C-alpha atoms as a PDB file:
ATOM      1  CA  MET A   1      -0.030   0.452  -0.146  1.00  0.00           C
ATOM      2  CA  LYS A   2       1.011   3.605  -0.822  1.00  0.00           C
ATOM      3  CA  ALA A   3      -0.365   6.574   1.517  1.00  0.00           C
ATOM      4  CA  LEU A   4       0.998  10.017   0.980  1.00  0.00           C
ATOM      5  CA  PHE A   5       0.837  12.930   3.889  1.00  0.00           C
ATOM      6  CA  ASP A   6       0.717  16.422   3.537  1.00  0.00           C
ATOM      7  CA  LEU A   7       2.315  18.141   6.601  1.00  0.00           C
ATOM      8  CA  GLY A   8       2.173  21.605   6.773  1.00  0.00           C
ATOM      9  CA  HIS A   9       2.552  22.632  10.470  1.00  0.00           C
ATOM     10  CA  PRO A  10       4.189  20.964  13.880  1.00  0.00           C
ATOM     11  CA  ALA A  11       1.133  19.530  14.904  1.00  0.00           C
ATOM     12  CA  HIS A  12       0.079  17.900  11.348  1.00  0.00           C
ATOM     13  CA  VAL A  13       3.698  15.835  12.219  1.00  0.00           C
ATOM     14  CA  HIS A  14       2.374  15.027  15.348  1.00  0.00           C
ATOM     15  CA  LEU A  15      -1.171  13.848  14.022  1.00  0.00           C
ATOM     16  CA  PHE A  16       0.321  11.454  11.556  1.00  0.00           C
ATOM     17  CA  LYS A  17       3.738  10.741  12.826  1.00  0.00           C
ATOM     18  CA  ASN A  18       2.392   7.289  14.689  1.00  0.00           C
ATOM     19  CA  ALA A  19       0.792   6.198  11.458  1.00  0.00           C
ATOM     20  CA  ILE A  20       3.456   6.678   9.310  1.00  0.00           C
ATOM     21  CA  LYS A  21       5.726   4.936  11.259  1.00  0.00           C
ATOM     22  CA  GLY A  22       3.557   2.027  11.750  1.00  0.00           C
ATOM     23  CA  LEU A  23       2.691   1.902   7.923  1.00  0.00           C
ATOM     24  CA  GLN A  24       6.723   1.548   7.379  1.00  0.00           C
ATOM     25  CA  ARG A  25       7.079  -0.957   9.823  1.00  0.00           C
ATOM     26  CA  ASP A  26       4.365  -2.954   8.441  1.00  0.00           C
ATOM     27  CA  GLY A  27       6.434  -2.637   4.899  1.00  0.00           C
ATOM     28  CA  HIS A  28       3.915  -0.079   3.435  1.00  0.00           C
ATOM     29  CA  SER A  29       5.099   2.530   1.229  1.00  0.00           C
ATOM     30  CA  THR A  30       4.867   6.336   2.556  1.00  0.00           C
ATOM     31  CA  CYS A  31       5.487  10.112   0.828  1.00  0.00           C
ATOM     32  CA  VAL A  32       5.440  13.223   3.056  1.00  0.00           C
ATOM     33  CA  LEU A  33       5.361  16.074   1.848  1.00  0.00           C
ATOM     34  CA  SER A  34       6.493  18.839   4.495  1.00  0.00           C
ATOM     35  CA  ARG A  35       6.309  22.650   4.795  1.00  0.00           C
ATOM     36  CA  ASP A  36       8.773  24.907   6.242  1.00  0.00           C
ATOM     37  CA  LYS A  37       6.448  26.499   8.858  1.00  0.00           C
ATOM     38  CA  ASP A  38       7.523  26.845  12.532  1.00  0.00           C
ATOM     39  CA  ILE A  39       9.311  23.597  13.416  1.00  0.00           C
ATOM     40  CA  THR A  40       7.798  21.443  10.921  1.00  0.00           C
ATOM     41  CA  ILE A  41      10.663  20.123   9.122  1.00  0.00           C
ATOM     42  CA  ALA A  42      12.761  20.082  12.281  1.00  0.00           C
ATOM     43  CA  LEU A  43      10.385  17.823  13.633  1.00  0.00           C
ATOM     44  CA  LEU A  44      10.130  15.403  10.789  1.00  0.00           C
ATOM     45  CA  ASP A  45      14.208  15.232  10.933  1.00  0.00           C
ATOM     46  CA  GLN A  46      14.387  14.394  14.246  1.00  0.00           C
ATOM     47  CA  TYR A  47      11.725  11.578  14.240  1.00  0.00           C
ATOM     48  CA  ASP A  48      13.720  10.206  11.148  1.00  0.00           C
ATOM     49  CA  ILE A  49      10.477  10.883   9.021  1.00  0.00           C
ATOM     50  CA  ASP A  50      11.568  11.193   5.134  1.00  0.00           C
ATOM     51  CA  HIS A  51      10.002  13.668   3.734  1.00  0.00           C
ATOM     52  CA  VAL A  52       9.816  16.246   0.546  1.00  0.00           C
ATOM     53  CA  PRO A  53       9.806  19.850   1.202  1.00  0.00           C
ATOM     54  CA  LEU A  54       7.173  21.811  -0.856  1.00  0.00           C
ATOM     55  CA  SER A  55       7.227  25.533   0.452  1.00  0.00           C
ATOM     56  CA  ALA A  56       7.934  28.118   2.892  1.00  0.00           C
ATOM     57  CA  MET A  57       5.839  30.077   5.334  1.00  0.00           C
ATOM     58  CA  GLY A  58       5.341  33.698   4.417  1.00  0.00           C
ATOM     59  CA  ASN A  59       4.520  36.240   6.674  1.00  0.00           C
ATOM     60  CA  LYS A  60       1.910  38.711   4.444  1.00  0.00           C
ATOM     61  CA  THR A  61      -1.466  37.916   2.985  1.00  0.00           C
ATOM     62  CA  TYR A  62      -0.040  38.095  -0.404  1.00  0.00           C
ATOM     63  CA  SER A  63       2.650  35.852   0.454  1.00  0.00           C
ATOM     64  CA  LEU A  64       0.352  33.095   1.723  1.00  0.00           C
ATOM     65  CA  ALA A  65      -1.423  33.359  -1.367  1.00  0.00           C
ATOM     66  CA  VAL A  66       1.943  32.636  -3.536  1.00  0.00           C
ATOM     67  CA  GLU A  67       3.466  29.544  -1.356  1.00  0.00           C
ATOM     68  CA  TRP A  68       0.078  28.018  -2.170  1.00  0.00           C
ATOM     69  CA  GLY A  69       0.189  28.356  -5.837  1.00  0.00           C
ATOM     70  CA  LYS A  70       3.258  26.947  -5.611  1.00  0.00           C
ATOM     71  CA  ARG A  71       2.273  24.388  -3.168  1.00  0.00           C
ATOM     72  CA  GLU A  72      -0.923  23.062  -5.422  1.00  0.00           C
ATOM     73  CA  ILE A  73       1.473  22.986  -8.484  1.00  0.00           C
ATOM     74  CA  ARG A  74       4.093  20.872  -6.803  1.00  0.00           C
ATOM     75  CA  THR A  75       1.737  18.490  -4.789  1.00  0.00           C
ATOM     76  CA  LEU A  76       0.108  17.441  -7.678  1.00  0.00           C
ATOM     77  CA  ARG A  77       3.337  16.408  -9.414  1.00  0.00           C
ATOM     78  CA  THR A  78       4.157  14.930  -6.869  1.00  0.00           C
ATOM     79  CA  ALA A  79       1.359  13.030  -6.356  1.00  0.00           C
ATOM     80  CA  TRP A  80       0.837  12.296 -10.158  1.00  0.00           C
ATOM     81  CA  ASN A  81       4.061  10.364  -9.835  1.00  0.00           C
ATOM     82  CA  TYR A  82       3.842   8.742  -6.553  1.00  0.00           C
ATOM     83  CA  ASP A  83       0.775   7.558  -7.451  1.00  0.00           C
ATOM     84  CA  PRO A  84      -0.567   6.335  -4.106  1.00  0.00           C
ATOM     85  CA  ASP A  85      -3.753   4.620  -2.502  1.00  0.00           C
ATOM     86  CA  VAL A  86      -4.962   6.892  -0.162  1.00  0.00           C
ATOM     87  CA  ILE A  87      -3.812  10.411   0.380  1.00  0.00           C
ATOM     88  CA  LEU A  88      -4.143  11.843   4.145  1.00  0.00           C
ATOM     89  CA  SER A  89      -4.131  15.757   5.371  1.00  0.00           C
ATOM     90  CA  VAL A  90      -5.509  18.125   7.694  1.00  0.00           C
ATOM     91  CA  ALA A  91      -7.862  20.418   5.451  1.00  0.00           C
ATOM     92  CA  SER A  92      -5.210  20.817   2.892  1.00  0.00           C
ATOM     93  CA  PRO A  93      -6.339  22.113  -0.629  1.00  0.00           C
ATOM     94  CA  PRO A  94      -3.556  20.907  -2.735  1.00  0.00           C
ATOM     95  CA  ALA A  95      -3.922  17.512  -1.113  1.00  0.00           C
ATOM     96  CA  ALA A  96      -7.160  17.112  -1.928  1.00  0.00           C
ATOM     97  CA  HIS A  97      -6.910  18.341  -5.609  1.00  0.00           C
ATOM     98  CA  ALA A  98      -4.143  15.784  -6.015  1.00  0.00           C
ATOM     99  CA  SER A  99      -6.772  12.880  -4.876  1.00  0.00           C
ATOM    100  CA  VAL A 100      -8.802  14.039  -7.962  1.00  0.00           C
ATOM    101  CA  LEU A 101      -5.981  13.736 -10.052  1.00  0.00           C
ATOM    102  CA  THR A 102      -4.700  10.485  -9.082  1.00  0.00           C
ATOM    103  CA  GLY A 103      -8.340   8.978  -8.483  1.00  0.00           C
ATOM    104  CA  CYS A 104      -7.580   7.720  -5.218  1.00  0.00           C
ATOM    105  CA  PRO A 105      -9.278   8.282  -1.541  1.00  0.00           C
ATOM    106  CA  LYS A 106      -8.447  11.397   0.192  1.00  0.00           C
ATOM    107  CA  LEU A 107      -9.235  10.903   4.325  1.00  0.00           C
ATOM    108  CA  LEU A 108      -9.192  14.369   5.488  1.00  0.00           C
ATOM    109  CA  PHE A 109      -8.932  14.819   9.514  1.00  0.00           C
ATOM    110  CA  ASN A 110     -10.366  18.151  10.733  1.00  0.00           C
ATOM    111  CA  ASP A 111     -10.780  19.044  14.590  1.00  0.00           C
ATOM    112  CA  SER A 112     -11.051  23.091  13.719  1.00  0.00           C
ATOM    113  CA  GLU A 113     -14.723  24.894  13.551  1.00  0.00           C
ATOM    114  CA  PRO A 114     -15.975  27.051  12.402  1.00  0.00           C
ATOM    115  CA  GLY A 115     -15.105  26.527   9.074  1.00  0.00           C
ATOM    116  CA  HIS A 116     -12.268  28.584   7.229  1.00  0.00           C
ATOM    117  CA  LEU A 117     -11.316  28.975   3.444  1.00  0.00           C
ATOM    118  CA  ALA A 118      -9.002  25.679   3.828  1.00  0.00           C
ATOM    119  CA  SER A 119     -12.264  23.873   4.830  1.00  0.00           C
ATOM    120  CA  ALA A 120     -13.997  24.701   2.409  1.00  0.00           C
ATOM    121  CA  LEU A 121     -11.754  24.314  -0.336  1.00  0.00           C
ATOM    122  CA  THR A 122     -11.098  20.230   0.788  1.00  0.00           C
ATOM    123  CA  HIS A 123     -14.392  19.021   2.311  1.00  0.00           C
ATOM    124  CA  PRO A 124     -16.265  18.998  -1.233  1.00  0.00           C
ATOM    125  CA  VAL A 125     -13.654  16.904  -2.891  1.00  0.00           C
ATOM    126  CA  SER A 126     -12.510  14.799   0.166  1.00  0.00           C
ATOM    127  CA  ASP A 127     -14.040  10.863   0.393  1.00  0.00           C
ATOM    128  CA  VAL A 128     -14.482  10.912   4.600  1.00  0.00           C
ATOM    129  CA  ILE A 129     -14.008  13.800   7.134  1.00  0.00           C
ATOM    130  CA  TYR A 130     -13.454  12.460  10.334  1.00  0.00           C
ATOM    131  CA  THR A 131     -13.792  14.816  13.306  1.00  0.00           C
ATOM    132  CA  PRO A 132     -13.824  14.332  17.135  1.00  0.00           C
ATOM    133  CA  GLU A 133     -17.382  13.449  18.491  1.00  0.00           C
ATOM    134  CA  SER A 134     -16.717  17.128  20.169  1.00  0.00           C
ATOM    135  CA  PHE A 135     -17.020  18.570  16.598  1.00  0.00           C
ATOM    136  CA  ARG A 136     -20.019  21.109  16.862  1.00  0.00           C
ATOM    137  CA  SER A 137     -20.451  21.858  12.841  1.00  0.00           C
ATOM    138  CA  ASP A 138     -22.344  18.956  11.312  1.00  0.00           C
ATOM    139  CA  LEU A 139     -20.484  18.519   7.823  1.00  0.00           C
ATOM    140  CA  GLY A 140     -23.027  16.262   6.270  1.00  0.00           C
ATOM    141  CA  ARG A 141     -22.844  12.518   4.982  1.00  0.00           C
ATOM    142  CA  LYS A 142     -18.986  12.443   4.565  1.00  0.00           C
ATOM    143  CA  GLN A 143     -18.470  13.133   8.370  1.00  0.00           C
ATOM    144  CA  HIS A 144     -17.199  10.425  10.699  1.00  0.00           C
ATOM    145  CA  THR A 145     -16.859  11.142  14.100  1.00  0.00           C
ATOM    146  CA  TYR A 146     -14.666   9.480  16.931  1.00  0.00           C
ATOM    147  CA  PRO A 147     -13.939   9.543  20.906  1.00  0.00           C
ATOM    148  CA  GLY A 148     -11.219  11.354  20.736  1.00  0.00           C
ATOM    149  CA  TYR A 149      -8.745  14.593  19.723  1.00  0.00           C
ATOM    150  CA  HIS A 150      -6.276  14.941  17.110  1.00  0.00           C
ATOM    151  CA  GLU A 151      -3.772  15.439  20.031  1.00  0.00           C
ATOM    152  CA  LEU A 152      -4.500  11.706  21.336  1.00  0.00           C
ATOM    153  CA  ALA A 153      -2.758  10.166  18.212  1.00  0.00           C
ATOM    154  CA  TYR A 154       0.511  11.163  20.054  1.00  0.00           C
ATOM    155  CA  LEU A 155      -0.418  11.567  23.999  1.00  0.00           C
ATOM    156  CA  HIS A 156      -2.451   8.721  24.672  1.00  0.00           C
ATOM    157  CA  PRO A 157      -0.755   6.533  26.942  1.00  0.00           C
ATOM    158  CA  ASN A 158      -0.477   4.022  24.177  1.00  0.00           C
ATOM    159  CA  GLN A 159       1.623   6.372  22.157  1.00  0.00           C
ATOM    160  CA  PHE A 160       3.433   8.515  24.917  1.00  0.00           C
ATOM    161  CA  ASP A 161       5.530   7.615  27.650  1.00  0.00           C
ATOM    162  CA  PRO A 162       7.141  10.708  29.909  1.00  0.00           C
ATOM    163  CA  ASP A 163      10.729  10.243  30.386  1.00  0.00           C
ATOM    164  CA  PRO A 164      12.248  12.234  33.219  1.00  0.00           C
ATOM    165  CA  ASP A 165      15.535  11.829  32.695  1.00  0.00           C
ATOM    166  CA  SER A 166      15.464  13.185  29.016  1.00  0.00           C
ATOM    167  CA  LEU A 167      14.411  16.497  30.837  1.00  0.00           C
ATOM    168  CA  ARG A 168      17.413  16.097  33.137  1.00  0.00           C
ATOM    169  CA  ASP A 169      19.656  16.350  30.483  1.00  0.00           C
ATOM    170  CA  PHE A 170      18.926  19.725  29.602  1.00  0.00           C
ATOM    171  CA  GLY A 171      18.622  20.946  33.510  1.00  0.00           C
ATOM    172  CA  VAL A 172      15.195  20.736  33.895  1.00  0.00           C
ATOM    173  CA  ASP A 173      14.425  18.741  37.396  1.00  0.00           C
ATOM    174  CA  PRO A 174      10.982  17.276  36.491  1.00  0.00           C
ATOM    175  CA  SER A 175       9.615  16.943  40.457  1.00  0.00           C
ATOM    176  CA  ALA A 176      10.643  20.591  40.790  1.00  0.00           C
ATOM    177  CA  GLU A 177       7.645  23.445  40.342  1.00  0.00           C
ATOM    178  CA  TYR A 178       7.558  24.797  36.932  1.00  0.00           C
ATOM    179  CA  PHE A 179       5.338  25.952  34.628  1.00  0.00           C
ATOM    180  CA  VAL A 180       5.319  26.510  30.745  1.00  0.00           C
ATOM    181  CA  LEU A 181       4.170  29.712  28.708  1.00  0.00           C
ATOM    182  CA  ARG A 182       3.240  29.714  24.715  1.00  0.00           C
ATOM    183  CA  PHE A 183       2.907  32.754  22.597  1.00  0.00           C
ATOM    184  CA  VAL A 184       2.196  32.273  19.210  1.00  0.00           C
ATOM    185  CA  SER A 185       2.029  34.607  16.401  1.00  0.00           C
ATOM    186  CA  MET A 186      -1.522  34.324  15.108  1.00  0.00           C
ATOM    187  CA  GLY A 187       0.342  34.340  11.388  1.00  0.00           C
ATOM    188  CA  ALA A 188      -1.645  31.462   9.787  1.00  0.00           C
ATOM    189  CA  HIS A 189      -4.279  31.970   7.258  1.00  0.00           C
ATOM    190  CA  HIS A 190      -6.840  30.998   9.452  1.00  0.00           C
ATOM    191  CA  ASP A 191      -5.615  33.250  12.288  1.00  0.00           C
ATOM    192  CA  VAL A 192      -6.313  36.465  10.252  1.00  0.00           C
ATOM    193  CA  GLY A 193      -8.223  39.029  12.456  1.00  0.00           C
ATOM    194  CA  HIS A 194      -7.700  37.785  15.532  1.00  0.00           C
ATOM    195  CA  HIS A 195      -5.125  38.210  18.179  1.00  0.00           C
ATOM    196  CA  GLY A 196      -3.327  36.247  21.463  1.00  0.00           C
ATOM    197  CA  LEU A 197      -2.523  37.832  24.713  1.00  0.00           C
ATOM    198  CA  SER A 198      -1.221  41.457  25.430  1.00  0.00           C
ATOM    199  CA  ARG A 199       2.264  41.936  25.838  1.00  0.00           C
ATOM    200  CA  GLN A 200       1.416  42.982  29.556  1.00  0.00           C
ATOM    201  CA  THR A 201      -0.267  39.940  30.415  1.00  0.00           C
ATOM    202  CA  LYS A 202       2.594  37.984  29.302  1.00  0.00           C
ATOM    203  CA  SER A 203       4.265  40.082  31.715  1.00  0.00           C
ATOM    204  CA  GLU A 204       2.133  39.629  34.449  1.00  0.00           C
ATOM    205  CA  LEU A 205       2.204  35.274  33.919  1.00  0.00           C
ATOM    206  CA  VAL A 206       6.119  35.479  34.060  1.00  0.00           C
ATOM    207  CA  SER A 207       6.519  37.628  37.078  1.00  0.00           C
ATOM    208  CA  THR A 208       3.601  35.928  39.168  1.00  0.00           C
ATOM    209  CA  LEU A 209       4.551  32.677  38.242  1.00  0.00           C
ATOM    210  CA  SER A 210       8.394  33.080  39.077  1.00  0.00           C
ATOM    211  CA  ASP A 211       7.606  33.523  42.449  1.00  0.00           C
ATOM    212  CA  HIS A 212       6.297  30.142  42.481  1.00  0.00           C
ATOM    213  CA  GLY A 213       9.105  28.356  40.395  1.00  0.00           C
ATOM    214  CA  ASP A 214      10.688  28.132  37.113  1.00  0.00           C
ATOM    215  CA  VAL A 215       9.463  29.812  33.965  1.00  0.00           C
ATOM    216  CA  TYR A 216       9.595  28.357  30.421  1.00  0.00           C
ATOM    217  CA  ILE A 217       8.574  30.034  27.145  1.00  0.00           C
ATOM    218  CA  SER A 218       7.861  28.428  23.931  1.00  0.00           C
ATOM    219  CA  THR A 219       7.207  31.094  20.966  1.00  0.00           C
ATOM    220  CA  GLU A 220       6.800  31.617  17.369  1.00  0.00           C
ATOM    221  CA  GLY A 221       9.192  33.612  16.371  1.00  0.00           C
ATOM    222  CA  GLN A 222      11.653  36.355  18.277  1.00  0.00           C
ATOM    223  CA  LEU A 223      11.541  35.951  21.535  1.00  0.00           C
ATOM    224  CA  PRO A 224      11.393  39.560  22.951  1.00  0.00           C
ATOM    225  CA  PRO A 225      15.053  40.434  25.044  1.00  0.00           C
ATOM    226  CA  ALA A 226      12.893  40.827  28.403  1.00  0.00           C
ATOM    227  CA  PHE A 227      11.610  37.333  28.122  1.00  0.00           C
ATOM    228  CA  GLU A 228      14.918  35.466  27.100  1.00  0.00           C
ATOM    229  CA  GLU A 229      16.423  34.576  30.607  1.00  0.00           C
ATOM    230  CA  PHE A 230      13.039  31.991  30.538  1.00  0.00           C
ATOM    231  CA  ARG A 231      13.614  30.760  26.739  1.00  0.00           C
ATOM    232  CA  LEU A 232      12.560  26.536  26.731  1.00  0.00           C
ATOM    233  CA  PRO A 233      15.758  24.571  27.327  1.00  0.00           C
ATOM    234  CA  VAL A 234      14.854  21.161  25.550  1.00  0.00           C
ATOM    235  CA  PRO A 235      14.400  20.746  22.268  1.00  0.00           C
ATOM    236  CA  PRO A 236      10.965  20.461  20.441  1.00  0.00           C
ATOM    237  CA  GLU A 237      10.519  16.734  20.594  1.00  0.00           C
ATOM    238  CA  LEU A 238      11.197  16.948  24.158  1.00  0.00           C
ATOM    239  CA  LEU A 239       8.431  19.688  25.009  1.00  0.00           C
ATOM    240  CA  HIS A 240       5.262  17.096  25.809  1.00  0.00           C
ATOM    241  CA  HIS A 241       7.853  15.423  28.337  1.00  0.00           C
ATOM    242  CA  LEU A 242       8.083  18.868  29.847  1.00  0.00           C
ATOM    243  CA  LEU A 243       4.474  19.761  29.573  1.00  0.00           C
ATOM    244  CA  TYR A 244       3.823  16.218  31.420  1.00  0.00           C
ATOM    245  CA  TYR A 245       5.887  17.276  34.494  1.00  0.00           C
ATOM    246  CA  ALA A 246       5.370  20.982  34.331  1.00  0.00           C
ATOM    247  CA  ASP A 247       2.738  22.559  37.217  1.00  0.00           C
ATOM    248  CA  LEU A 248       0.861  24.605  35.073  1.00  0.00           C
ATOM    249  CA  TYR A 249       0.286  25.772  31.609  1.00  0.00           C
ATOM    250  CA  ALA A 250      -0.830  29.069  30.361  1.00  0.00           C
ATOM    251  CA  GLY A 251      -1.043  30.692  26.815  1.00  0.00           C
ATOM    252  CA  ASP A 252      -2.313  32.112  23.818  1.00  0.00           C
ATOM    253  CA  SER A 253      -1.856  29.005  21.619  1.00  0.00           C
ATOM    254  CA  GLN A 254      -4.838  26.284  20.238  1.00  0.00           C
ATOM    255  CA  THR A 255      -2.681  23.010  20.185  1.00  0.00           C
ATOM    256  CA  MET A 256      -0.588  23.883  23.193  1.00  0.00           C
ATOM    257  CA  ALA A 257      -3.312  24.124  25.657  1.00  0.00           C
ATOM    258  CA  THR A 258      -5.363  21.162  24.318  1.00  0.00           C
ATOM    259  CA  GLU A 259      -1.809  19.050  24.873  1.00  0.00           C
ATOM    260  CA  ALA A 260      -1.535  20.394  28.254  1.00  0.00           C
ATOM    261  CA  ALA A 261      -4.805  19.427  29.361  1.00  0.00           C
ATOM    262  CA  LEU A 262      -4.601  15.740  27.632  1.00  0.00           C
ATOM    263  CA  LEU A 263      -1.342  15.325  29.858  1.00  0.00           C
ATOM    264  CA  GLY A 264      -3.233  16.217  33.139  1.00  0.00           C
ATOM    265  CA  THR A 265      -1.486  19.480  33.372  1.00  0.00           C
ATOM    266  CA  PRO A 266      -3.555  22.208  34.537  1.00  0.00           C
ATOM    267  CA  ALA A 267      -4.118  24.366  31.252  1.00  0.00           C
ATOM    268  CA  VAL A 268      -5.596  28.073  31.230  1.00  0.00           C
ATOM    269  CA  ARG A 269      -6.344  29.372  27.619  1.00  0.00           C
ATOM    270  CA  SER A 270      -6.521  32.872  26.318  1.00  0.00           C
ATOM    271  CA  ASN A 271      -7.088  34.512  22.748  1.00  0.00           C
ATOM    272  CA  SER A 272     -10.021  35.984  21.014  1.00  0.00           C
ATOM    273  CA  PHE A 273     -11.052  32.800  19.152  1.00  0.00           C
ATOM    274  CA  VAL A 274     -12.640  31.837  22.967  1.00  0.00           C
ATOM    275  CA  GLY A 275     -16.311  32.779  23.133  1.00  0.00           C
ATOM    276  CA  ASP A 276     -19.746  31.900  21.716  1.00  0.00           C
ATOM    277  CA  ASN A 277     -18.192  29.959  18.580  1.00  0.00           C
ATOM    278  CA  ASP A 278     -15.449  28.193  20.099  1.00  0.00           C
ATOM    279  CA  MET A 279     -13.929  25.072  19.017  1.00  0.00           C
ATOM    280  CA  GLY A 280     -15.790  22.128  20.272  1.00  0.00           C
ATOM    281  CA  ASN A 281     -12.868  20.430  21.697  1.00  0.00           C
ATOM    282  CA  PHE A 282     -12.086  23.328  24.078  1.00  0.00           C
ATOM    283  CA  VAL A 283     -15.424  23.406  25.132  1.00  0.00           C
ATOM    284  CA  GLU A 284     -15.562  19.749  25.995  1.00  0.00           C
ATOM    285  CA  LEU A 285     -12.416  19.905  27.888  1.00  0.00           C
ATOM    286  CA  GLU A 286     -13.678  22.450  30.266  1.00  0.00           C
ATOM    287  CA  GLU A 287     -17.215  21.458  30.587  1.00  0.00           C
ATOM    288  CA  ARG A 288     -16.974  17.943  30.675  1.00  0.00           C
ATOM    289  CA  TYR A 289     -13.691  17.065  32.014  1.00  0.00           C
ATOM    290  CA  ASP A 290     -12.705  20.543  33.443  1.00  0.00           C
ATOM    291  CA  LEU A 291      -9.107  20.131  32.313  1.00  0.00           C
ATOM    292  CA  LEU A 292      -8.749  23.328  30.524  1.00  0.00           C
ATOM    293  CA  TYR A 293     -10.019  26.889  30.906  1.00  0.00           C
ATOM    294  CA  SER A 294     -10.615  29.516  28.275  1.00  0.00           C
ATOM    295  CA  ARG A 295     -10.927  32.969  29.040  1.00  0.00           C
ATOM    296  CA  SER A 296     -10.935  35.896  26.686  1.00  0.00           C
ATOM    297  CA  ASP A 297     -10.888  37.994  29.881  1.00  0.00           C
ATOM    298  CA  GLU A 298      -7.235  38.243  30.509  1.00  0.00           C
ATOM    299  CA  ASP A 299      -7.628  39.410  34.418  1.00  0.00           C
ATOM    300  CA  GLU A 300      -9.700  36.748  34.794  1.00  0.00           C
ATOM    301  CA  VAL A 301      -6.507  34.193  32.940  1.00  0.00           C
ATOM    302  CA  LEU A 302      -4.356  36.315  35.462  1.00  0.00           C
ATOM    303  CA  ASP A 303      -7.074  35.284  39.042  1.00  0.00           C
ATOM    304  CA  LEU A 304      -7.111  31.452  37.292  1.00  0.00           C
ATOM    305  CA  VAL A 305      -3.450  30.920  37.440  1.00  0.00           C
ATOM    306  CA  ARG A 306      -2.701  32.492  41.072  1.00  0.00           C
ATOM    307  CA  GLU A 307      -5.883  30.058  42.110  1.00  0.00           C
ATOM    308  CA  LEU A 308      -4.219  26.831  40.531  1.00  0.00           C
ATOM    309  CA  VAL A 309      -0.658  27.490  41.635  1.00  0.00           C
ATOM    310  CA  ASP A 310      -2.139  28.508  45.384  1.00  0.00           C
ATOM    311  CA  ASP A 311      -4.104  25.109  45.395  1.00  0.00           C
ATOM    312  CA  PRO A 312      -1.824  22.441  47.170  1.00  0.00           C
ATOM    313  CA  GLU A 313      -4.018  20.020  45.564  1.00  0.00           C
ATOM    314  CA  THR A 314      -4.159  20.747  41.947  1.00  0.00           C
ATOM    315  CA  ALA A 315      -2.081  18.257  40.659  1.00  0.00           C
ATOM    316  CA  GLU A 316      -3.941  15.550  42.304  1.00  0.00           C
ATOM    317  CA  ARG A 317      -7.299  16.519  41.398  1.00  0.00           C
ATOM    318  CA  TRP A 318      -5.873  17.134  37.513  1.00  0.00           C
ATOM    319  CA  GLN A 319      -4.464  13.929  37.629  1.00  0.00           C
ATOM    320  CA  GLU A 320      -7.760  12.058  38.212  1.00  0.00           C
ATOM    321  CA  LYS A 321      -9.871  13.918  35.805  1.00  0.00           C
ATOM    322  CA  ARG A 322      -7.085  13.313  32.950  1.00  0.00           C
ATOM    323  CA  ASP A 323      -7.828   9.087  33.984  1.00  0.00           C
ATOM    324  CA  LYS A 324     -11.209   9.812  33.292  1.00  0.00           C
ATOM    325  CA  LEU A 325     -10.832  10.987  30.056  1.00  0.00           C
ATOM    326  CA  VAL A 326      -8.463   8.381  28.554  1.00  0.00           C
ATOM    327  CA  SER A 327     -10.946   6.068  29.942  1.00  0.00           C
ATOM    328  CA  GLU A 328     -13.501   7.271  27.595  1.00  0.00           C
ATOM    329  CA  LYS A 329     -11.108   8.517  24.794  1.00  0.00           C
ATOM    330  CA  ILE A 330      -9.823   5.990  21.908  1.00  0.00           C
ATOM    331  CA  ASP A 331      -5.658   5.830  20.336  1.00  0.00           C
ATOM    332  CA  VAL A 332      -6.305   8.031  17.959  1.00  0.00           C
ATOM    333  CA  SER A 333      -3.058   6.895  16.034  1.00  0.00           C
ATOM    334  CA  GLU A 334      -4.684   3.267  15.705  1.00  0.00           C
ATOM    335  CA  PHE A 335      -7.770   4.535  14.444  1.00  0.00           C
ATOM    336  CA  ILE A 336      -5.663   6.611  11.349  1.00  0.00           C
ATOM    337  CA  ILE A 337      -4.355   2.960  10.513  1.00  0.00           C
ATOM    338  CA  ASP A 338      -7.341   1.361  10.506  1.00  0.00           C
ATOM    339  CA  GLN A 339      -9.290   3.940   8.308  1.00  0.00           C
ATOM    340  CA  ILE A 340      -5.935   3.634   5.935  1.00  0.00           C
ATOM    341  CA  TYR A 341      -5.904  -0.247   5.455  1.00  0.00           C
ATOM    342  CA  GLU A 342      -9.731   0.434   4.861  1.00  0.00           C
ATOM    343  CA  TRP A 343      -9.743   2.930   2.027  1.00  0.00           C
ATOM    344  CA  GLY A 344      -6.473   1.767   0.859  1.00  0.00           C
ATOM    345  CA  ALA A 345      -8.031  -1.125  -0.174  1.00  0.00           C
ATOM    346  CA  ARG A 346     -10.903   0.220  -2.072  1.00  0.00           C
END
């Protein structure tokens, strides 16, 4: 069997990496198309996944349009030459169009709603659209829901084994009190018009948490000089180990907030996506599992952070809530592999 994966974001690498490795172990062929965005290529190299870089992310709206035009042509050419049995992506228009050209099934994994331009361009030409059960939009007959989240493809206990020694190698004591912050650039096409935490709130978070333990900051782009001493001490591939042993996560990232919650780390998220139309996974993680808090009011964010770090029972309560979630969700990597076998054999 031949499977083509289009990975344009670090989160896509994590989503599909175990499925790619699983297919390769079973003797199947994979072709991975990559994009130079954030740490996407670095992660693929670190996980020893062969890939074909097709484009690099620009920082202006017009440059994004130019990039996607080039990526469309290069994806079609690569898919035509590779002739896959199945194509997988997260709302990638070039991958969806390549499936039409090659006549093979297109499996789309979407966990973002409300819909954006990429979804509008990919849904009509995909054979099946997989979404978490928490997904709030009805996508019609092509939609197939499952009890899980994208992040459980790599953070389910079957797939992730936290390693405290890997952190000690970089000077982090996993038993000490420390906190992880993530600040994003909001530069993706679906982020246009949105914003994250203000500079003042970022500074207050650092100041507040520094009184309780070490603070480690992960960021897109350049780290401001004032935050340089808090730069993340571990390489990207160890970030989830750092999150697992952290006492709290806070930031404006979408993905890392979910990751922290699924690892049993108290998580506080704030950006302009928060509100009545928020994504279903964030709503479920807060209302059903009480593992993550999403707030648009930055004063509430600071108050929540203070309450969580001051409560000596926070860690124990979060572990119990995480155990409940894991008992009700599936190993998403195994689910992805099953779907590849089913559709690839058609």
